Amino acid sequence: VAKESKIASCSSLHSPIYHLPRLAGPQSGYRLATTRNFQTPSKTAKNKRFLMILSDIDILEHITAGSIRIEPPLVREHLGGMSLDLRLGREFRTFRGSFRPCIEIGPSGKPLGFPMSDDLMEVREIADDNPFYLHPNELALGITLEFISLPKDIVGFIDGRSSLARVGLMVNITAHTIEPGWEGNITLEFANLGRVPLALYPGARICALRFEQLSSPAKQSYNVKQGAKYFRQNAPHASRISQE
């Protein structure tokens, strides 16, 4: 009796979804059971894969199988435990001096007097042994040396390197997601938050790319997405926000 009263007092302190039924037969005692009804997962849910960040082993397996393509070929020293370092290409875009009062950003279909256009920026190509100077409080677009291709069930994320952040360099200010089905070199948005210019050399390890497995292949992957503005880019294109 004392045992049953003790159980009753304990159950009153907690959620009523649990009770302790007595086991019949020689195995007398108590076991924890639940009265909450859980729905059996559907066949679709059972076939779903867990979302996970790929390890170096998984990255290599995908590259070997050809589901992730990288050109030029992977440099093994650039592969970390869960990411792949990408190198800086030779082309950059910077804003020209302009008398425009602003760049207007509006909803799709709205006529704008001062939309973004390519003529607001100029392309600069740097020789392999020369640097590109990014001055304090300056924005510039760069490009990765590597061409990347992703399947429909893997998404990529660009991360800046800690060592570069410590000298004031921001890499990919906001656009760090590489959508499933992506093909092309990756445009990087640079900003110098430091107080001295930064000399960026082509071929330097500039960012890290990590990969995450989706629960299922994307139906609207980037390679079939209507209005994919940067598919198969091989240069740092200016913003095409006015095309939306």
C-alpha atoms as a PDB file:
ATOM      1  CA  VAL A   1       0.000   0.000   0.000  1.00  0.00           C
ATOM      2  CA  ALA A   2       2.797   2.330   0.879  1.00  0.00           C
ATOM      3  CA  LYS A   3       4.397   1.583  -2.469  1.00  0.00           C
ATOM      4  CA  GLU A   4       1.206   2.368  -4.394  1.00  0.00           C
ATOM      5  CA  SER A   5       0.607   5.616  -2.478  1.00  0.00           C
ATOM      6  CA  LYS A   6       4.151   6.698  -3.176  1.00  0.00           C
ATOM      7  CA  ILE A   7       3.620   6.106  -6.891  1.00  0.00           C
ATOM      8  CA  ALA A   8       0.354   8.039  -6.822  1.00  0.00           C
ATOM      9  CA  SER A   9       2.016  11.010  -5.143  1.00  0.00           C
ATOM     10  CA  CYS A  10       4.815  11.006  -7.700  1.00  0.00           C
ATOM     11  CA  SER A  11       2.440  10.864 -10.654  1.00  0.00           C
ATOM     12  CA  SER A  12       0.503  13.842  -9.330  1.00  0.00           C
ATOM     13  CA  LEU A  13       3.616  15.979  -9.534  1.00  0.00           C
ATOM     14  CA  HIS A  14       4.200  15.305 -13.195  1.00  0.00           C
ATOM     15  CA  SER A  15       2.336  15.182 -16.480  1.00  0.00           C
ATOM     16  CA  PRO A  16      -0.681  12.808 -16.433  1.00  0.00           C
ATOM     17  CA  ILE A  17       0.361  11.202 -19.722  1.00  0.00           C
ATOM     18  CA  TYR A  18       2.389   8.586 -17.827  1.00  0.00           C
ATOM     19  CA  HIS A  19       1.155   5.805 -15.561  1.00  0.00           C
ATOM     20  CA  LEU A  20       2.782   2.788 -13.929  1.00  0.00           C
ATOM     21  CA  PRO A  21       0.745  -0.363 -14.565  1.00  0.00           C
ATOM     22  CA  ARG A  22       1.419  -3.502 -12.533  1.00  0.00           C
ATOM     23  CA  LEU A  23       3.015  -6.355 -14.397  1.00  0.00           C
ATOM     24  CA  ALA A  24       1.138  -9.665 -14.153  1.00  0.00           C
ATOM     25  CA  GLY A  25       2.697 -12.964 -13.127  1.00  0.00           C
ATOM     26  CA  PRO A  26       5.999 -13.591 -11.457  1.00  0.00           C
ATOM     27  CA  GLN A  27       7.463 -10.358 -12.797  1.00  0.00           C
ATOM     28  CA  SER A  28       5.452  -8.303 -10.369  1.00  0.00           C
ATOM     29  CA  GLY A  29       6.471  -4.700 -10.103  1.00  0.00           C
ATOM     30  CA  TYR A  30       6.028  -1.524 -12.106  1.00  0.00           C
ATOM     31  CA  ARG A  31       7.128  -0.248 -15.517  1.00  0.00           C
ATOM     32  CA  LEU A  32       6.852   3.139 -17.192  1.00  0.00           C
ATOM     33  CA  ALA A  33       4.272   3.366 -19.960  1.00  0.00           C
ATOM     34  CA  THR A  34       2.629   6.179 -21.876  1.00  0.00           C
ATOM     35  CA  THR A  35      -1.042   6.774 -22.590  1.00  0.00           C
ATOM     36  CA  ARG A  36      -0.330   9.260 -25.392  1.00  0.00           C
ATOM     37  CA  ASN A  37      -1.142   7.951 -28.853  1.00  0.00           C
ATOM     38  CA  PHE A  38       1.618   8.522 -31.404  1.00  0.00           C
ATOM     39  CA  GLN A  39       0.819   8.351 -35.105  1.00  0.00           C
ATOM     40  CA  THR A  40       2.757   5.851 -37.167  1.00  0.00           C
ATOM     41  CA  PRO A  41       5.051   7.690 -39.637  1.00  0.00           C
ATOM     42  CA  SER A  42       3.813   7.680 -43.204  1.00  0.00           C
ATOM     43  CA  LYS A  43       5.698   5.887 -45.959  1.00  0.00           C
ATOM     44  CA  THR A  44       6.935   9.272 -47.213  1.00  0.00           C
ATOM     45  CA  ALA A  45       8.257  10.199 -43.783  1.00  0.00           C
ATOM     46  CA  LYS A  46       9.958   6.813 -43.422  1.00  0.00           C
ATOM     47  CA  ASN A  47      11.827   7.398 -46.669  1.00  0.00           C
ATOM     48  CA  LYS A  48      13.066  10.814 -45.554  1.00  0.00           C
ATOM     49  CA  ARG A  49      16.756  11.110 -44.798  1.00  0.00           C
ATOM     50  CA  PHE A  50      18.148  12.937 -41.820  1.00  0.00           C
ATOM     51  CA  LEU A  51      19.589  16.373 -42.559  1.00  0.00           C
ATOM     52  CA  MET A  52      23.286  16.314 -41.855  1.00  0.00           C
ATOM     53  CA  ILE A  53      26.480  18.191 -42.595  1.00  0.00           C
ATOM     54  CA  LEU A  54      28.830  16.080 -44.688  1.00  0.00           C
ATOM     55  CA  SER A  55      32.142  15.029 -43.182  1.00  0.00           C
ATOM     56  CA  ASP A  56      35.393  14.919 -45.150  1.00  0.00           C
ATOM     57  CA  ILE A  57      34.778  11.216 -45.829  1.00  0.00           C
ATOM     58  CA  ASP A  58      31.334  11.923 -47.277  1.00  0.00           C
ATOM     59  CA  ILE A  59      32.610  14.875 -49.326  1.00  0.00           C
ATOM     60  CA  LEU A  60      35.275  12.687 -50.913  1.00  0.00           C
ATOM     61  CA  GLU A  61      32.736   9.964 -51.645  1.00  0.00           C
ATOM     62  CA  HIS A  62      30.439  12.433 -53.426  1.00  0.00           C
ATOM     63  CA  ILE A  63      33.343  13.887 -55.424  1.00  0.00           C
ATOM     64  CA  THR A  64      34.537  10.403 -56.410  1.00  0.00           C
ATOM     65  CA  ALA A  65      31.001   9.425 -57.451  1.00  0.00           C
ATOM     66  CA  GLY A  66      30.657  12.650 -59.473  1.00  0.00           C
ATOM     67  CA  SER A  67      27.574  13.949 -57.640  1.00  0.00           C
ATOM     68  CA  ILE A  68      29.658  16.931 -56.431  1.00  0.00           C
ATOM     69  CA  ARG A  69      31.918  18.332 -59.157  1.00  0.00           C
ATOM     70  CA  ILE A  70      34.860  20.635 -58.517  1.00  0.00           C
ATOM     71  CA  GLU A  71      37.089  22.062 -61.250  1.00  0.00           C
ATOM     72  CA  PRO A  72      40.068  22.361 -61.059  1.00  0.00           C
ATOM     73  CA  PRO A  73      40.271  19.035 -59.191  1.00  0.00           C
ATOM     74  CA  LEU A  74      40.243  18.961 -55.419  1.00  0.00           C
ATOM     75  CA  VAL A  75      43.477  19.791 -53.599  1.00  0.00           C
ATOM     76  CA  ARG A  76      43.529  17.354 -50.683  1.00  0.00           C
ATOM     77  CA  GLU A  77      45.295  19.839 -48.404  1.00  0.00           C
ATOM     78  CA  HIS A  78      42.296  22.160 -48.779  1.00  0.00           C
ATOM     79  CA  LEU A  79      39.859  19.595 -47.359  1.00  0.00           C
ATOM     80  CA  GLY A  80      38.988  19.983 -43.682  1.00  0.00           C
ATOM     81  CA  GLY A  81      36.955  17.770 -41.397  1.00  0.00           C
ATOM     82  CA  MET A  82      33.627  19.191 -42.663  1.00  0.00           C
ATOM     83  CA  SER A  83      34.428  21.779 -45.340  1.00  0.00           C
ATOM     84  CA  LEU A  84      36.480  22.510 -48.417  1.00  0.00           C
ATOM     85  CA  ASP A  85      38.590  25.650 -48.806  1.00  0.00           C
ATOM     86  CA  LEU A  86      38.045  27.551 -52.056  1.00  0.00           C
ATOM     87  CA  ARG A  87      40.555  29.850 -53.712  1.00  0.00           C
ATOM     88  CA  LEU A  88      40.259  33.372 -55.048  1.00  0.00           C
ATOM     89  CA  GLY A  89      39.915  33.899 -58.794  1.00  0.00           C
ATOM     90  CA  ARG A  90      41.356  36.731 -60.892  1.00  0.00           C
ATOM     91  CA  GLU A  91      38.287  38.830 -61.721  1.00  0.00           C
ATOM     92  CA  PHE A  92      36.714  41.539 -59.575  1.00  0.00           C
ATOM     93  CA  ARG A  93      33.947  44.106 -59.922  1.00  0.00           C
ATOM     94  CA  THR A  94      33.955  47.488 -58.233  1.00  0.00           C
ATOM     95  CA  PHE A  95      31.559  50.422 -58.353  1.00  0.00           C
ATOM     96  CA  ARG A  96      32.427  53.293 -60.640  1.00  0.00           C
ATOM     97  CA  GLY A  97      32.132  56.877 -59.515  1.00  0.00           C
ATOM     98  CA  SER A  98      28.569  57.910 -60.290  1.00  0.00           C
ATOM     99  CA  PHE A  99      26.324  60.945 -60.023  1.00  0.00           C
ATOM    100  CA  ARG A 100      23.274  58.773 -59.447  1.00  0.00           C
ATOM    101  CA  PRO A 101      21.437  59.776 -56.287  1.00  0.00           C
ATOM    102  CA  CYS A 102      20.730  56.146 -55.347  1.00  0.00           C
ATOM    103  CA  ILE A 103      20.093  52.577 -56.473  1.00  0.00           C
ATOM    104  CA  GLU A 104      16.394  51.844 -56.122  1.00  0.00           C
ATOM    105  CA  ILE A 105      15.220  48.431 -54.935  1.00  0.00           C
ATOM    106  CA  GLY A 106      11.493  47.765 -55.282  1.00  0.00           C
ATOM    107  CA  PRO A 107       8.937  44.986 -55.673  1.00  0.00           C
ATOM    108  CA  SER A 108       8.814  42.903 -58.855  1.00  0.00           C
ATOM    109  CA  GLY A 109       7.273  44.767 -61.781  1.00  0.00           C
ATOM    110  CA  LYS A 110       7.529  48.224 -60.225  1.00  0.00           C
ATOM    111  CA  PRO A 111       9.045  50.831 -62.638  1.00  0.00           C
ATOM    112  CA  LEU A 112      12.164  52.334 -61.082  1.00  0.00           C
ATOM    113  CA  GLY A 113      13.949  55.514 -62.030  1.00  0.00           C
ATOM    114  CA  PHE A 114      17.356  54.418 -60.764  1.00  0.00           C
ATOM    115  CA  PRO A 115      17.579  50.593 -60.966  1.00  0.00           C
ATOM    116  CA  MET A 116      20.785  48.614 -60.598  1.00  0.00           C
ATOM    117  CA  SER A 117      22.592  48.135 -63.915  1.00  0.00           C
ATOM    118  CA  ASP A 118      25.898  46.653 -65.055  1.00  0.00           C
ATOM    119  CA  ASP A 119      27.273  50.025 -66.160  1.00  0.00           C
ATOM    120  CA  LEU A 120      27.504  51.098 -62.514  1.00  0.00           C
ATOM    121  CA  MET A 121      30.374  48.633 -62.019  1.00  0.00           C
ATOM    122  CA  GLU A 122      33.629  47.948 -63.803  1.00  0.00           C
ATOM    123  CA  VAL A 123      35.500  44.673 -64.239  1.00  0.00           C
ATOM    124  CA  ARG A 124      39.101  44.351 -63.134  1.00  0.00           C
ATOM    125  CA  GLU A 125      41.194  41.310 -64.031  1.00  0.00           C
ATOM    126  CA  ILE A 126      44.318  40.771 -61.963  1.00  0.00           C
ATOM    127  CA  ALA A 127      47.452  38.926 -63.043  1.00  0.00           C
ATOM    128  CA  ASP A 128      48.355  35.907 -60.930  1.00  0.00           C
ATOM    129  CA  ASP A 129      51.318  37.616 -59.267  1.00  0.00           C
ATOM    130  CA  ASN A 130      49.556  40.945 -58.609  1.00  0.00           C
ATOM    131  CA  PRO A 131      47.148  41.798 -55.772  1.00  0.00           C
ATOM    132  CA  PHE A 132      43.745  43.398 -55.787  1.00  0.00           C
ATOM    133  CA  TYR A 133      43.608  46.172 -53.194  1.00  0.00           C
ATOM    134  CA  LEU A 134      40.443  46.377 -51.132  1.00  0.00           C
ATOM    135  CA  HIS A 135      40.401  49.669 -49.264  1.00  0.00           C
ATOM    136  CA  PRO A 136      38.676  50.366 -45.932  1.00  0.00           C
ATOM    137  CA  ASN A 137      34.869  50.719 -46.168  1.00  0.00           C
ATOM    138  CA  GLU A 138      34.964  49.512 -49.772  1.00  0.00           C
ATOM    139  CA  LEU A 139      32.733  46.868 -51.383  1.00  0.00           C
ATOM    140  CA  ALA A 140      33.951  44.620 -54.191  1.00  0.00           C
ATOM    141  CA  LEU A 141      32.788  41.446 -55.905  1.00  0.00           C
ATOM    142  CA  GLY A 142      35.170  38.568 -56.483  1.00  0.00           C
ATOM    143  CA  ILE A 143      34.890  35.032 -57.848  1.00  0.00           C
ATOM    144  CA  THR A 144      36.111  31.638 -56.742  1.00  0.00           C
ATOM    145  CA  LEU A 145      38.772  29.908 -58.786  1.00  0.00           C
ATOM    146  CA  GLU A 146      36.803  26.670 -58.483  1.00  0.00           C
ATOM    147  CA  PHE A 147      33.736  25.749 -60.519  1.00  0.00           C
ATOM    148  CA  ILE A 148      31.205  23.948 -58.298  1.00  0.00           C
ATOM    149  CA  SER A 149      28.304  21.687 -59.279  1.00  0.00           C
ATOM    150  CA  LEU A 150      25.836  20.342 -56.699  1.00  0.00           C
ATOM    151  CA  PRO A 151      23.162  17.639 -57.031  1.00  0.00           C
ATOM    152  CA  LYS A 152      19.507  18.194 -56.206  1.00  0.00           C
ATOM    153  CA  ASP A 153      19.794  16.790 -52.682  1.00  0.00           C
ATOM    154  CA  ILE A 154      22.802  18.739 -51.377  1.00  0.00           C
ATOM    155  CA  VAL A 155      22.978  22.415 -50.377  1.00  0.00           C
ATOM    156  CA  GLY A 156      26.225  24.319 -49.869  1.00  0.00           C
ATOM    157  CA  PHE A 157      27.114  27.083 -47.426  1.00  0.00           C
ATOM    158  CA  ILE A 158      29.972  29.564 -47.809  1.00  0.00           C
ATOM    159  CA  ASP A 159      31.809  30.517 -44.625  1.00  0.00           C
ATOM    160  CA  GLY A 160      34.456  33.171 -44.218  1.00  0.00           C
ATOM    161  CA  ARG A 161      37.778  32.190 -42.718  1.00  0.00           C
ATOM    162  CA  SER A 162      38.484  33.284 -39.156  1.00  0.00           C
ATOM    163  CA  SER A 163      42.052  34.333 -39.973  1.00  0.00           C
ATOM    164  CA  LEU A 164      40.768  36.708 -42.664  1.00  0.00           C
ATOM    165  CA  ALA A 165      37.991  38.099 -40.482  1.00  0.00           C
ATOM    166  CA  ARG A 166      40.630  39.056 -37.925  1.00  0.00           C
ATOM    167  CA  VAL A 167      42.181  41.500 -40.402  1.00  0.00           C
ATOM    168  CA  GLY A 168      38.781  43.022 -41.269  1.00  0.00           C
ATOM    169  CA  LEU A 169      37.806  41.045 -44.383  1.00  0.00           C
ATOM    170  CA  MET A 170      34.156  40.055 -44.722  1.00  0.00           C
ATOM    171  CA  VAL A 171      33.428  37.354 -47.315  1.00  0.00           C
ATOM    172  CA  ASN A 172      29.891  36.866 -48.633  1.00  0.00           C
ATOM    173  CA  ILE A 173      28.196  39.519 -46.570  1.00  0.00           C
ATOM    174  CA  THR A 174      24.765  37.859 -46.636  1.00  0.00           C
ATOM    175  CA  ALA A 175      24.487  35.497 -49.628  1.00  0.00           C
ATOM    176  CA  HIS A 176      26.171  32.388 -48.255  1.00  0.00           C
ATOM    177  CA  THR A 177      23.751  29.690 -49.485  1.00  0.00           C
ATOM    178  CA  ILE A 178      24.588  27.659 -52.601  1.00  0.00           C
ATOM    179  CA  GLU A 179      21.321  26.102 -53.723  1.00  0.00           C
ATOM    180  CA  PRO A 180      20.889  22.459 -54.753  1.00  0.00           C
ATOM    181  CA  GLY A 181      21.373  22.078 -58.503  1.00  0.00           C
ATOM    182  CA  TRP A 182      23.886  24.952 -58.602  1.00  0.00           C
ATOM    183  CA  GLU A 183      26.543  25.035 -61.324  1.00  0.00           C
ATOM    184  CA  GLY A 184      29.173  27.723 -61.733  1.00  0.00           C
ATOM    185  CA  ASN A 185      31.893  29.679 -60.032  1.00  0.00           C
ATOM    186  CA  ILE A 186      30.741  31.407 -56.860  1.00  0.00           C
ATOM    187  CA  THR A 187      30.578  35.187 -56.593  1.00  0.00           C
ATOM    188  CA  LEU A 188      31.930  36.546 -53.309  1.00  0.00           C
ATOM    189  CA  GLU A 189      30.876  39.875 -51.784  1.00  0.00           C
ATOM    190  CA  PHE A 190      33.881  41.438 -50.058  1.00  0.00           C
ATOM    191  CA  ALA A 191      33.964  44.300 -47.569  1.00  0.00           C
ATOM    192  CA  ASN A 192      36.947  45.689 -45.696  1.00  0.00           C
ATOM    193  CA  LEU A 193      35.968  46.668 -42.155  1.00  0.00           C
ATOM    194  CA  GLY A 194      39.543  47.346 -41.093  1.00  0.00           C
ATOM    195  CA  ARG A 195      41.594  50.536 -41.138  1.00  0.00           C
ATOM    196  CA  VAL A 196      44.241  49.542 -43.680  1.00  0.00           C
ATOM    197  CA  PRO A 197      43.950  48.296 -47.288  1.00  0.00           C
ATOM    198  CA  LEU A 198      43.964  44.553 -47.882  1.00  0.00           C
ATOM    199  CA  ALA A 199      45.997  43.088 -50.766  1.00  0.00           C
ATOM    200  CA  LEU A 200      44.149  40.026 -52.091  1.00  0.00           C
ATOM    201  CA  TYR A 201      46.137  37.695 -54.340  1.00  0.00           C
ATOM    202  CA  PRO A 202      44.538  35.298 -56.824  1.00  0.00           C
ATOM    203  CA  GLY A 203      44.923  31.702 -55.685  1.00  0.00           C
ATOM    204  CA  ALA A 204      44.709  32.516 -51.968  1.00  0.00           C
ATOM    205  CA  ARG A 205      42.401  30.353 -49.868  1.00  0.00           C
ATOM    206  CA  ILE A 206      39.557  32.807 -49.364  1.00  0.00           C
ATOM    207  CA  CYS A 207      36.546  30.914 -47.970  1.00  0.00           C
ATOM    208  CA  ALA A 208      35.262  27.492 -46.935  1.00  0.00           C
ATOM    209  CA  LEU A 209      32.399  25.557 -48.522  1.00  0.00           C
ATOM    210  CA  ARG A 210      30.452  23.049 -46.422  1.00  0.00           C
ATOM    211  CA  PHE A 211      27.742  20.709 -47.623  1.00  0.00           C
ATOM    212  CA  GLU A 212      24.474  19.562 -46.082  1.00  0.00           C
ATOM    213  CA  GLN A 213      22.302  16.636 -47.154  1.00  0.00           C
ATOM    214  CA  LEU A 214      18.645  17.524 -47.761  1.00  0.00           C
ATOM    215  CA  SER A 215      15.802  15.321 -46.509  1.00  0.00           C
ATOM    216  CA  SER A 216      14.864  14.656 -50.149  1.00  0.00           C
ATOM    217  CA  PRO A 217      15.912  15.944 -53.600  1.00  0.00           C
ATOM    218  CA  ALA A 218      14.645  19.455 -54.315  1.00  0.00           C
ATOM    219  CA  LYS A 219      11.932  19.731 -56.958  1.00  0.00           C
ATOM    220  CA  GLN A 220      12.773  23.364 -57.757  1.00  0.00           C
ATOM    221  CA  SER A 221      16.550  22.981 -57.817  1.00  0.00           C
ATOM    222  CA  TYR A 222      18.568  25.899 -59.166  1.00  0.00           C
ATOM    223  CA  ASN A 223      19.276  24.249 -62.532  1.00  0.00           C
ATOM    224  CA  VAL A 224      15.533  24.085 -63.329  1.00  0.00           C
ATOM    225  CA  LYS A 225      14.399  27.151 -61.387  1.00  0.00           C
ATOM    226  CA  GLN A 226      12.679  29.771 -63.515  1.00  0.00           C
ATOM    227  CA  GLY A 227      14.508  33.079 -63.315  1.00  0.00           C
ATOM    228  CA  ALA A 228      17.810  31.656 -62.018  1.00  0.00           C
ATOM    229  CA  LYS A 229      19.908  34.755 -62.686  1.00  0.00           C
ATOM    230  CA  TYR A 230      23.395  33.458 -61.946  1.00  0.00           C
ATOM    231  CA  PHE A 231      23.334  29.874 -63.241  1.00  0.00           C
ATOM    232  CA  ARG A 232      26.680  28.763 -64.707  1.00  0.00           C
ATOM    233  CA  GLN A 233      28.316  32.121 -64.044  1.00  0.00           C
ATOM    234  CA  ASN A 234      32.084  32.225 -64.557  1.00  0.00           C
ATOM    235  CA  ALA A 235      32.644  35.836 -63.554  1.00  0.00           C
ATOM    236  CA  PRO A 236      31.500  38.082 -60.681  1.00  0.00           C
ATOM    237  CA  HIS A 237      28.244  39.359 -62.157  1.00  0.00           C
ATOM    238  CA  ALA A 238      26.773  42.573 -60.862  1.00  0.00           C
ATOM    239  CA  SER A 239      23.454  42.404 -59.022  1.00  0.00           C
ATOM    240  CA  ARG A 240      20.524  41.512 -61.248  1.00  0.00           C
ATOM    241  CA  ILE A 241      17.902  42.537 -58.712  1.00  0.00           C
ATOM    242  CA  SER A 242      16.219  44.684 -61.387  1.00  0.00           C
ATOM    243  CA  GLN A 243      15.361  41.511 -63.353  1.00  0.00           C
ATOM    244  CA  GLU A 244      13.020  40.224 -60.658  1.00  0.00           C
END
